Amino acid sequence: MIIAYINSILKLRLTRKNGNNIHYNRKNEKNFLRGDFMEFKKYVEKLNQIRDETIKTLLDKWNPKNELYLKVDKNGKYKDFKGDTIVFFLNDADKRKITKIQNELYSKIGKYLAKPLSEKYFHLTLHDLCNFNITNDVEKCMKNNENKVMKILNTFKNEKNLKMKSIGLYNGGSAIGIMFKPIDEESFLILIKARQKFDQLIKQDDFYIPHVTLGYYLPIDYSESLRKKIFNTLIDIDINFEIELDFHNLKYTHFTNMDNYIIK
């Protein structure tokens, strides 16, 4: 009875914001894994489905990604977590849009989260590379990338800017972020093809979820009542804006923790 009620509320709220419910055909699972070779419409449908499902899991159980315990300490400070990545740093106007949502989020549930991520580092990741989730020898992995990455980045010099539309807040397993989608098919193809180029460094098989992270959870066991509070917050905060991704701001960066990025 309770689960049915929760499902009805979730369906109503998310349908109002995101349109019709998403029907995912598991026979096409392999086509959905990365976002490659998909129709734009199907890609957006999958993003909406992932958002719905990740938020709903908060009501069922607390099952964070293991990486949370490597990234955040019990006091909400970011632990040493070394690696490299390819990211679009946001322009100042878009950073302010993100900060506004971050402030609203933290005003509601901030005491249950790690410290908010710094505005100056707000970014949308295009392609993860080396970190402790990938390899035990992060330094060697990063060194290998440094010798190749600039050649790839130079291929984007004349690429046009992309616009991304907000979908809403979502539960990333270790953090809370704003999920985005390309505004049209052309932007989608440019984005996915750009991501594919970096597979020659580190192959990524996960489905690509464009997002901007606002802050991480704490490495604690969240009670059912607290998870429901987080659920309601993620659903109720209304987000409706676009951001622009400039390929001049696509950077190869090192990070020492989740709130310190160094452009190389």
C-alpha atoms as a PDB file:
ATOM      1  CA  MET A   1       0.000   0.000   0.000  1.00  0.00           C
ATOM      2  CA  ILE A   2       2.713   2.456   1.025  1.00  0.00           C
ATOM      3  CA  ILE A   3       4.936   1.506  -1.922  1.00  0.00           C
ATOM      4  CA  ALA A   4       2.038   1.913  -4.342  1.00  0.00           C
ATOM      5  CA  TYR A   5       1.333   5.357  -2.911  1.00  0.00           C
ATOM      6  CA  ILE A   6       4.982   6.399  -3.210  1.00  0.00           C
ATOM      7  CA  ASN A   7       5.129   5.143  -6.783  1.00  0.00           C
ATOM      8  CA  SER A   8       2.023   7.140  -7.680  1.00  0.00           C
ATOM      9  CA  ILE A   9       3.506  10.320  -6.188  1.00  0.00           C
ATOM     10  CA  LEU A  10       6.804   9.777  -7.975  1.00  0.00           C
ATOM     11  CA  LYS A  11       5.030   9.107 -11.278  1.00  0.00           C
ATOM     12  CA  LEU A  12       2.868  12.217 -10.920  1.00  0.00           C
ATOM     13  CA  ARG A  13       5.713  14.562  -9.981  1.00  0.00           C
ATOM     14  CA  LEU A  14       8.176  13.358 -12.564  1.00  0.00           C
ATOM     15  CA  THR A  15       5.591  13.193 -15.330  1.00  0.00           C
ATOM     16  CA  ARG A  16       4.670  16.805 -14.709  1.00  0.00           C
ATOM     17  CA  LYS A  17       8.262  17.904 -15.098  1.00  0.00           C
ATOM     18  CA  ASN A  18       9.631  15.499 -17.676  1.00  0.00           C
ATOM     19  CA  GLY A  19       6.689  14.530 -19.861  1.00  0.00           C
ATOM     20  CA  ASN A  20       5.468  10.992 -20.371  1.00  0.00           C
ATOM     21  CA  ASN A  21       6.851   8.053 -18.436  1.00  0.00           C
ATOM     22  CA  ILE A  22       9.737   6.226 -20.083  1.00  0.00           C
ATOM     23  CA  HIS A  23       9.333   2.677 -21.375  1.00  0.00           C
ATOM     24  CA  TYR A  24      12.696   0.941 -21.676  1.00  0.00           C
ATOM     25  CA  ASN A  25      13.005  -2.182 -23.815  1.00  0.00           C
ATOM     26  CA  ARG A  26      15.632  -4.397 -22.181  1.00  0.00           C
ATOM     27  CA  LYS A  27      16.130  -6.278 -25.435  1.00  0.00           C
ATOM     28  CA  ASN A  28      18.060  -3.194 -26.543  1.00  0.00           C
ATOM     29  CA  GLU A  29      20.238  -3.100 -23.412  1.00  0.00           C
ATOM     30  CA  LYS A  30      23.541  -3.156 -25.288  1.00  0.00           C
ATOM     31  CA  ASN A  31      22.550  -0.178 -27.400  1.00  0.00           C
ATOM     32  CA  PHE A  32      21.884   1.841 -24.265  1.00  0.00           C
ATOM     33  CA  LEU A  33      25.121   1.144 -22.415  1.00  0.00           C
ATOM     34  CA  ARG A  34      27.161   4.058 -23.669  1.00  0.00           C
ATOM     35  CA  GLY A  35      24.765   6.340 -25.501  1.00  0.00           C
ATOM     36  CA  ASP A  36      26.610   5.597 -28.750  1.00  0.00           C
ATOM     37  CA  PHE A  37      24.733   4.848 -31.948  1.00  0.00           C
ATOM     38  CA  MET A  38      21.408   5.742 -30.379  1.00  0.00           C
ATOM     39  CA  GLU A  39      18.682   7.950 -31.662  1.00  0.00           C
ATOM     40  CA  PHE A  40      18.601  11.269 -29.858  1.00  0.00           C
ATOM     41  CA  LYS A  41      15.061  10.688 -28.638  1.00  0.00           C
ATOM     42  CA  LYS A  42      15.987   7.308 -27.134  1.00  0.00           C
ATOM     43  CA  TYR A  43      19.017   8.814 -25.430  1.00  0.00           C
ATOM     44  CA  VAL A  44      16.922  11.499 -23.744  1.00  0.00           C
ATOM     45  CA  GLU A  45      14.328   8.913 -22.739  1.00  0.00           C
ATOM     46  CA  LYS A  46      17.052   6.847 -21.097  1.00  0.00           C
ATOM     47  CA  LEU A  47      18.370   9.884 -19.201  1.00  0.00           C
ATOM     48  CA  ASN A  48      14.907  10.584 -17.845  1.00  0.00           C
ATOM     49  CA  GLN A  49      14.486   6.956 -16.859  1.00  0.00           C
ATOM     50  CA  ILE A  50      17.813   6.934 -15.014  1.00  0.00           C
ATOM     51  CA  ARG A  51      16.881  10.083 -13.142  1.00  0.00           C
ATOM     52  CA  ASP A  52      13.541   8.611 -12.107  1.00  0.00           C
ATOM     53  CA  GLU A  53      15.055   5.314 -10.996  1.00  0.00           C
ATOM     54  CA  THR A  54      17.994   6.773  -9.062  1.00  0.00           C
ATOM     55  CA  ILE A  55      15.711   9.070  -7.084  1.00  0.00           C
ATOM     56  CA  LYS A  56      13.289   6.257  -6.377  1.00  0.00           C
ATOM     57  CA  THR A  57      16.057   4.073  -4.913  1.00  0.00           C
ATOM     58  CA  LEU A  58      16.334   6.535  -2.035  1.00  0.00           C
ATOM     59  CA  LEU A  59      12.966   5.276  -0.812  1.00  0.00           C
ATOM     60  CA  ASP A  60      13.924   1.619  -1.022  1.00  0.00           C
ATOM     61  CA  LYS A  61      17.337   1.480   0.632  1.00  0.00           C
ATOM     62  CA  TRP A  62      20.594   3.307   1.230  1.00  0.00           C
ATOM     63  CA  ASN A  63      23.162   1.797  -1.105  1.00  0.00           C
ATOM     64  CA  PRO A  64      25.825   4.382  -2.002  1.00  0.00           C
ATOM     65  CA  LYS A  65      28.681   3.791  -4.388  1.00  0.00           C
ATOM     66  CA  ASN A  66      31.819   2.488  -2.671  1.00  0.00           C
ATOM     67  CA  GLU A  67      33.744   5.476  -3.997  1.00  0.00           C
ATOM     68  CA  LEU A  68      31.904   7.708  -1.515  1.00  0.00           C
ATOM     69  CA  TYR A  69      34.012   6.298   1.321  1.00  0.00           C
ATOM     70  CA  LEU A  70      37.188   7.061  -0.632  1.00  0.00           C
ATOM     71  CA  LYS A  71      36.186  10.639  -1.402  1.00  0.00           C
ATOM     72  CA  VAL A  72      34.535  12.050   1.746  1.00  0.00           C
ATOM     73  CA  ASP A  73      35.351  11.795   5.467  1.00  0.00           C
ATOM     74  CA  LYS A  74      32.822  11.648   8.292  1.00  0.00           C
ATOM     75  CA  ASN A  75      33.108  15.421   8.838  1.00  0.00           C
ATOM     76  CA  GLY A  76      32.092  16.185   5.269  1.00  0.00           C
ATOM     77  CA  LYS A  77      35.553  17.154   4.082  1.00  0.00           C
ATOM     78  CA  TYR A  78      36.925  15.876   0.807  1.00  0.00           C
ATOM     79  CA  LYS A  79      39.644  13.259   1.172  1.00  0.00           C
ATOM     80  CA  ASP A  80      42.669  12.876  -1.068  1.00  0.00           C
ATOM     81  CA  PHE A  81      41.476  11.207  -4.256  1.00  0.00           C
ATOM     82  CA  LYS A  82      43.851  11.588  -7.152  1.00  0.00           C
ATOM     83  CA  GLY A  83      43.173  11.305 -10.865  1.00  0.00           C
ATOM     84  CA  ASP A  84      42.653  13.019 -14.211  1.00  0.00           C
ATOM     85  CA  THR A  85      39.623  13.763 -16.343  1.00  0.00           C
ATOM     86  CA  ILE A  86      38.273  15.658 -19.353  1.00  0.00           C
ATOM     87  CA  VAL A  87      35.767  18.347 -18.388  1.00  0.00           C
ATOM     88  CA  PHE A  88      33.905  21.352 -19.727  1.00  0.00           C
ATOM     89  CA  PHE A  89      34.423  24.160 -17.229  1.00  0.00           C
ATOM     90  CA  LEU A  90      31.340  26.382 -17.136  1.00  0.00           C
ATOM     91  CA  ASN A  91      31.231  30.074 -17.973  1.00  0.00           C
ATOM     92  CA  ASP A  92      30.541  32.580 -15.187  1.00  0.00           C
ATOM     93  CA  ALA A  93      26.880  33.096 -16.095  1.00  0.00           C
ATOM     94  CA  ASP A  94      26.189  29.366 -16.012  1.00  0.00           C
ATOM     95  CA  LYS A  95      28.117  28.953 -12.771  1.00  0.00           C
ATOM     96  CA  ARG A  96      25.728  31.433 -11.172  1.00  0.00           C
ATOM     97  CA  LYS A  97      22.747  29.374 -12.340  1.00  0.00           C
ATOM     98  CA  ILE A  98      24.272  26.270 -10.774  1.00  0.00           C
ATOM     99  CA  THR A  99      25.124  28.105  -7.554  1.00  0.00           C
ATOM    100  CA  LYS A 100      21.518  29.241  -7.177  1.00  0.00           C
ATOM    101  CA  ILE A 101      20.323  25.622  -7.249  1.00  0.00           C
ATOM    102  CA  GLN A 102      23.156  24.504  -4.990  1.00  0.00           C
ATOM    103  CA  ASN A 103      22.202  27.146  -2.420  1.00  0.00           C
ATOM    104  CA  GLU A 104      18.579  26.010  -2.483  1.00  0.00           C
ATOM    105  CA  LEU A 105      19.603  22.379  -2.103  1.00  0.00           C
ATOM    106  CA  TYR A 106      21.898  23.095   0.849  1.00  0.00           C
ATOM    107  CA  SER A 107      19.343  25.329   2.526  1.00  0.00           C
ATOM    108  CA  LYS A 108      17.048  22.299   2.695  1.00  0.00           C
ATOM    109  CA  ILE A 109      19.358  19.344   3.361  1.00  0.00           C
ATOM    110  CA  GLY A 110      22.856  20.797   3.581  1.00  0.00           C
ATOM    111  CA  LYS A 111      23.516  19.521   7.100  1.00  0.00           C
ATOM    112  CA  TYR A 112      23.181  15.976   5.777  1.00  0.00           C
ATOM    113  CA  LEU A 113      25.732  16.496   2.968  1.00  0.00           C
ATOM    114  CA  ALA A 114      29.458  17.031   2.602  1.00  0.00           C
ATOM    115  CA  LYS A 115      30.541  20.614   2.110  1.00  0.00           C
ATOM    116  CA  PRO A 116      29.244  22.219  -1.095  1.00  0.00           C
ATOM    117  CA  LEU A 117      31.570  22.018  -4.064  1.00  0.00           C
ATOM    118  CA  SER A 118      33.297  25.257  -5.036  1.00  0.00           C
ATOM    119  CA  GLU A 119      31.694  27.379  -7.736  1.00  0.00           C
ATOM    120  CA  LYS A 120      35.021  28.043  -9.438  1.00  0.00           C
ATOM    121  CA  TYR A 121      35.363  24.353 -10.310  1.00  0.00           C
ATOM    122  CA  PHE A 122      31.823  23.757 -11.579  1.00  0.00           C
ATOM    123  CA  HIS A 123      32.110  21.561 -14.625  1.00  0.00           C
ATOM    124  CA  LEU A 124      30.399  18.977 -16.788  1.00  0.00           C
ATOM    125  CA  THR A 125      32.551  15.880 -17.221  1.00  0.00           C
ATOM    126  CA  LEU A 126      32.922  14.630 -20.775  1.00  0.00           C
ATOM    127  CA  HIS A 127      35.119  11.603 -20.054  1.00  0.00           C
ATOM    128  CA  ASP A 128      36.552  10.120 -16.870  1.00  0.00           C
ATOM    129  CA  LEU A 129      40.123   8.892 -17.100  1.00  0.00           C
ATOM    130  CA  CYS A 130      42.415   7.648 -14.293  1.00  0.00           C
ATOM    131  CA  ASN A 131      41.471   7.307 -10.626  1.00  0.00           C
ATOM    132  CA  PHE A 132      41.502   4.639  -7.920  1.00  0.00           C
ATOM    133  CA  ASN A 133      38.334   3.117  -9.384  1.00  0.00           C
ATOM    134  CA  ILE A 134      40.231   2.412 -12.617  1.00  0.00           C
ATOM    135  CA  THR A 135      43.744   1.420 -11.554  1.00  0.00           C
ATOM    136  CA  ASN A 136      46.006   0.961  -8.551  1.00  0.00           C
ATOM    137  CA  ASP A 137      48.796   2.853 -10.319  1.00  0.00           C
ATOM    138  CA  VAL A 138      47.147   6.223 -10.890  1.00  0.00           C
ATOM    139  CA  GLU A 139      50.430   8.071 -11.467  1.00  0.00           C
ATOM    140  CA  LYS A 140      51.480   5.747 -14.298  1.00  0.00           C
ATOM    141  CA  CYS A 141      48.015   5.914 -15.818  1.00  0.00           C
ATOM    142  CA  MET A 142      48.002   9.719 -15.749  1.00  0.00           C
ATOM    143  CA  LYS A 143      51.492   9.914 -17.223  1.00  0.00           C
ATOM    144  CA  ASN A 144      50.365   7.811 -20.144  1.00  0.00           C
ATOM    145  CA  ASN A 145      47.434  10.163 -20.765  1.00  0.00           C
ATOM    146  CA  GLU A 146      49.566  13.301 -20.598  1.00  0.00           C
ATOM    147  CA  ASN A 147      51.564  12.093 -23.580  1.00  0.00           C
ATOM    148  CA  LYS A 148      48.460  11.751 -25.774  1.00  0.00           C
ATOM    149  CA  VAL A 149      45.658  13.984 -24.562  1.00  0.00           C
ATOM    150  CA  MET A 150      46.672  17.335 -26.069  1.00  0.00           C
ATOM    151  CA  LYS A 151      46.650  15.904 -29.567  1.00  0.00           C
ATOM    152  CA  ILE A 152      43.012  14.910 -29.063  1.00  0.00           C
ATOM    153  CA  LEU A 153      42.027  18.244 -27.513  1.00  0.00           C
ATOM    154  CA  ASN A 154      43.519  20.107 -30.467  1.00  0.00           C
ATOM    155  CA  THR A 155      40.998  18.451 -32.782  1.00  0.00           C
ATOM    156  CA  PHE A 156      38.208  20.518 -31.175  1.00  0.00           C
ATOM    157  CA  LYS A 157      39.610  23.976 -31.930  1.00  0.00           C
ATOM    158  CA  ASN A 158      36.913  24.812 -34.468  1.00  0.00           C
ATOM    159  CA  GLU A 159      34.034  22.909 -32.891  1.00  0.00           C
ATOM    160  CA  LYS A 160      30.837  24.875 -32.294  1.00  0.00           C
ATOM    161  CA  ASN A 161      29.468  25.493 -28.812  1.00  0.00           C
ATOM    162  CA  LEU A 162      26.807  23.143 -27.450  1.00  0.00           C
ATOM    163  CA  LYS A 163      23.706  23.976 -25.464  1.00  0.00           C
ATOM    164  CA  MET A 164      22.431  21.656 -22.751  1.00  0.00           C
ATOM    165  CA  LYS A 165      19.003  21.691 -21.122  1.00  0.00           C
ATOM    166  CA  SER A 166      18.472  20.839 -17.462  1.00  0.00           C
ATOM    167  CA  ILE A 167      16.470  17.709 -16.643  1.00  0.00           C
ATOM    168  CA  GLY A 168      16.555  18.050 -12.874  1.00  0.00           C
ATOM    169  CA  LEU A 169      18.377  16.990  -9.739  1.00  0.00           C
ATOM    170  CA  TYR A 170      19.355  13.356  -9.508  1.00  0.00           C
ATOM    171  CA  ASN A 171      20.860  10.902  -7.066  1.00  0.00           C
ATOM    172  CA  GLY A 172      24.285   9.938  -8.392  1.00  0.00           C
ATOM    173  CA  GLY A 173      24.932   7.267  -5.786  1.00  0.00           C
ATOM    174  CA  SER A 174      27.749   9.155  -4.071  1.00  0.00           C
ATOM    175  CA  ALA A 175      26.648  12.710  -4.837  1.00  0.00           C
ATOM    176  CA  ILE A 176      23.771  14.932  -5.929  1.00  0.00           C
ATOM    177  CA  GLY A 177      23.961  16.679  -9.262  1.00  0.00           C
ATOM    178  CA  ILE A 178      21.956  18.394 -11.972  1.00  0.00           C
ATOM    179  CA  MET A 179      21.371  16.151 -14.970  1.00  0.00           C
ATOM    180  CA  PHE A 180      21.443  17.708 -18.442  1.00  0.00           C
ATOM    181  CA  LYS A 181      20.509  16.683 -21.969  1.00  0.00           C
ATOM    182  CA  PRO A 182      21.642  18.083 -25.342  1.00  0.00           C
ATOM    183  CA  ILE A 183      19.038  20.487 -26.730  1.00  0.00           C
ATOM    184  CA  ASP A 184      18.874  18.806 -30.134  1.00  0.00           C
ATOM    185  CA  GLU A 185      20.152  15.920 -32.220  1.00  0.00           C
ATOM    186  CA  GLU A 186      23.062  17.866 -33.686  1.00  0.00           C
ATOM    187  CA  SER A 187      24.334  18.760 -30.208  1.00  0.00           C
ATOM    188  CA  PHE A 188      23.875  15.151 -29.111  1.00  0.00           C
ATOM    189  CA  LEU A 189      25.976  13.794 -31.981  1.00  0.00           C
ATOM    190  CA  ILE A 190      28.753  16.320 -31.426  1.00  0.00           C
ATOM    191  CA  LEU A 191      28.843  15.555 -27.701  1.00  0.00           C
ATOM    192  CA  ILE A 192      28.915  11.767 -28.076  1.00  0.00           C
ATOM    193  CA  LYS A 193      31.507  11.827 -30.858  1.00  0.00           C
ATOM    194  CA  ALA A 194      33.693  14.112 -28.761  1.00  0.00           C
ATOM    195  CA  ARG A 195      33.443  11.682 -25.853  1.00  0.00           C
ATOM    196  CA  GLN A 196      34.318   8.739 -28.079  1.00  0.00           C
ATOM    197  CA  LYS A 197      37.632  10.312 -29.055  1.00  0.00           C
ATOM    198  CA  PHE A 198      38.929   9.950 -25.506  1.00  0.00           C
ATOM    199  CA  ASP A 199      38.183   6.226 -25.452  1.00  0.00           C
ATOM    200  CA  GLN A 200      41.620   5.739 -26.967  1.00  0.00           C
ATOM    201  CA  LEU A 201      42.987   6.814 -23.568  1.00  0.00           C
ATOM    202  CA  ILE A 202      40.611   4.984 -21.210  1.00  0.00           C
ATOM    203  CA  LYS A 203      37.679   3.014 -22.573  1.00  0.00           C
ATOM    204  CA  GLN A 204      34.382   3.975 -20.904  1.00  0.00           C
ATOM    205  CA  ASP A 205      31.511   1.526 -21.297  1.00  0.00           C
ATOM    206  CA  ASP A 206      29.050   3.140 -18.893  1.00  0.00           C
ATOM    207  CA  PHE A 207      26.038   5.001 -20.232  1.00  0.00           C
ATOM    208  CA  TYR A 208      26.959   8.685 -20.431  1.00  0.00           C
ATOM    209  CA  ILE A 209      25.041  10.944 -18.032  1.00  0.00           C
ATOM    210  CA  PRO A 210      25.863  14.641 -18.566  1.00  0.00           C
ATOM    211  CA  HIS A 211      25.694  16.323 -15.161  1.00  0.00           C
ATOM    212  CA  VAL A 212      27.128  18.983 -12.895  1.00  0.00           C
ATOM    213  CA  THR A 213      27.811  17.781  -9.355  1.00  0.00           C
ATOM    214  CA  LEU A 214      26.713  20.065  -6.500  1.00  0.00           C
ATOM    215  CA  GLY A 215      27.936  18.114  -3.493  1.00  0.00           C
ATOM    216  CA  TYR A 216      28.494  14.665  -2.043  1.00  0.00           C
ATOM    217  CA  TYR A 217      26.716  12.616   0.561  1.00  0.00           C
ATOM    218  CA  LEU A 218      28.321  11.844   3.896  1.00  0.00           C
ATOM    219  CA  PRO A 219      29.777   8.345   4.478  1.00  0.00           C
ATOM    220  CA  ILE A 220      27.026   7.480   6.945  1.00  0.00           C
ATOM    221  CA  ASP A 221      23.962   5.270   7.039  1.00  0.00           C
ATOM    222  CA  TYR A 222      20.994   7.455   6.076  1.00  0.00           C
ATOM    223  CA  SER A 223      17.772   6.552   7.852  1.00  0.00           C
ATOM    224  CA  GLU A 224      14.524   5.908   6.001  1.00  0.00           C
ATOM    225  CA  SER A 225      13.055   9.237   7.152  1.00  0.00           C
ATOM    226  CA  LEU A 226      16.152  11.131   6.059  1.00  0.00           C
ATOM    227  CA  ARG A 227      16.203   9.422   2.688  1.00  0.00           C
ATOM    228  CA  LYS A 228      12.573  10.416   2.214  1.00  0.00           C
ATOM    229  CA  LYS A 229      13.508  14.014   3.019  1.00  0.00           C
ATOM    230  CA  ILE A 230      16.272  13.903   0.396  1.00  0.00           C
ATOM    231  CA  PHE A 231      13.866  12.293  -2.085  1.00  0.00           C
ATOM    232  CA  ASN A 232      11.294  15.062  -1.587  1.00  0.00           C
ATOM    233  CA  THR A 233      13.973  17.729  -1.956  1.00  0.00           C
ATOM    234  CA  LEU A 234      15.304  16.315  -5.234  1.00  0.00           C
ATOM    235  CA  ILE A 235      11.793  16.149  -6.631  1.00  0.00           C
ATOM    236  CA  ASP A 236      10.541  19.503  -5.397  1.00  0.00           C
ATOM    237  CA  ILE A 237      13.407  21.793  -6.466  1.00  0.00           C
ATOM    238  CA  ASP A 238      12.362  23.031  -9.894  1.00  0.00           C
ATOM    239  CA  ILE A 239      15.152  23.454 -12.434  1.00  0.00           C
ATOM    240  CA  ASN A 240      14.597  24.885 -15.882  1.00  0.00           C
ATOM    241  CA  PHE A 241      17.540  26.483 -17.655  1.00  0.00           C
ATOM    242  CA  GLU A 242      20.197  25.922 -20.290  1.00  0.00           C
ATOM    243  CA  ILE A 243      23.966  25.985 -20.086  1.00  0.00           C
ATOM    244  CA  GLU A 244      26.452  26.398 -22.911  1.00  0.00           C
ATOM    245  CA  LEU A 245      29.467  24.153 -23.386  1.00  0.00           C
ATOM    246  CA  ASP A 246      32.372  25.924 -25.060  1.00  0.00           C
ATOM    247  CA  PHE A 247      35.055  23.652 -26.532  1.00  0.00           C
ATOM    248  CA  HIS A 248      37.621  26.295 -25.623  1.00  0.00           C
ATOM    249  CA  ASN A 249      36.747  25.404 -22.031  1.00  0.00           C
ATOM    250  CA  LEU A 250      37.163  21.667 -22.606  1.00  0.00           C
ATOM    251  CA  LYS A 251      40.201  20.888 -20.491  1.00  0.00           C
ATOM    252  CA  TYR A 252      42.416  18.042 -19.437  1.00  0.00           C
ATOM    253  CA  THR A 253      42.661  18.357 -15.658  1.00  0.00           C
ATOM    254  CA  HIS A 254      44.214  16.640 -12.687  1.00  0.00           C
ATOM    255  CA  PHE A 255      42.345  16.509  -9.397  1.00  0.00           C
ATOM    256  CA  THR A 256      43.655  15.922  -5.883  1.00  0.00           C
ATOM    257  CA  ASN A 257      40.198  15.587  -4.365  1.00  0.00           C
ATOM    258  CA  MET A 258      36.642  16.206  -5.524  1.00  0.00           C
ATOM    259  CA  ASP A 259      36.952  19.947  -4.929  1.00  0.00           C
ATOM    260  CA  ASN A 260      40.353  20.766  -6.371  1.00  0.00           C
ATOM    261  CA  TYR A 261      41.024  20.684 -10.131  1.00  0.00           C
ATOM    262  CA  ILE A 262      44.268  21.657 -11.872  1.00  0.00           C
ATOM    263  CA  ILE A 263      44.225  22.445 -15.598  1.00  0.00           C
ATOM    264  CA  LYS A 264      47.125  20.928 -17.488  1.00  0.00           C
END
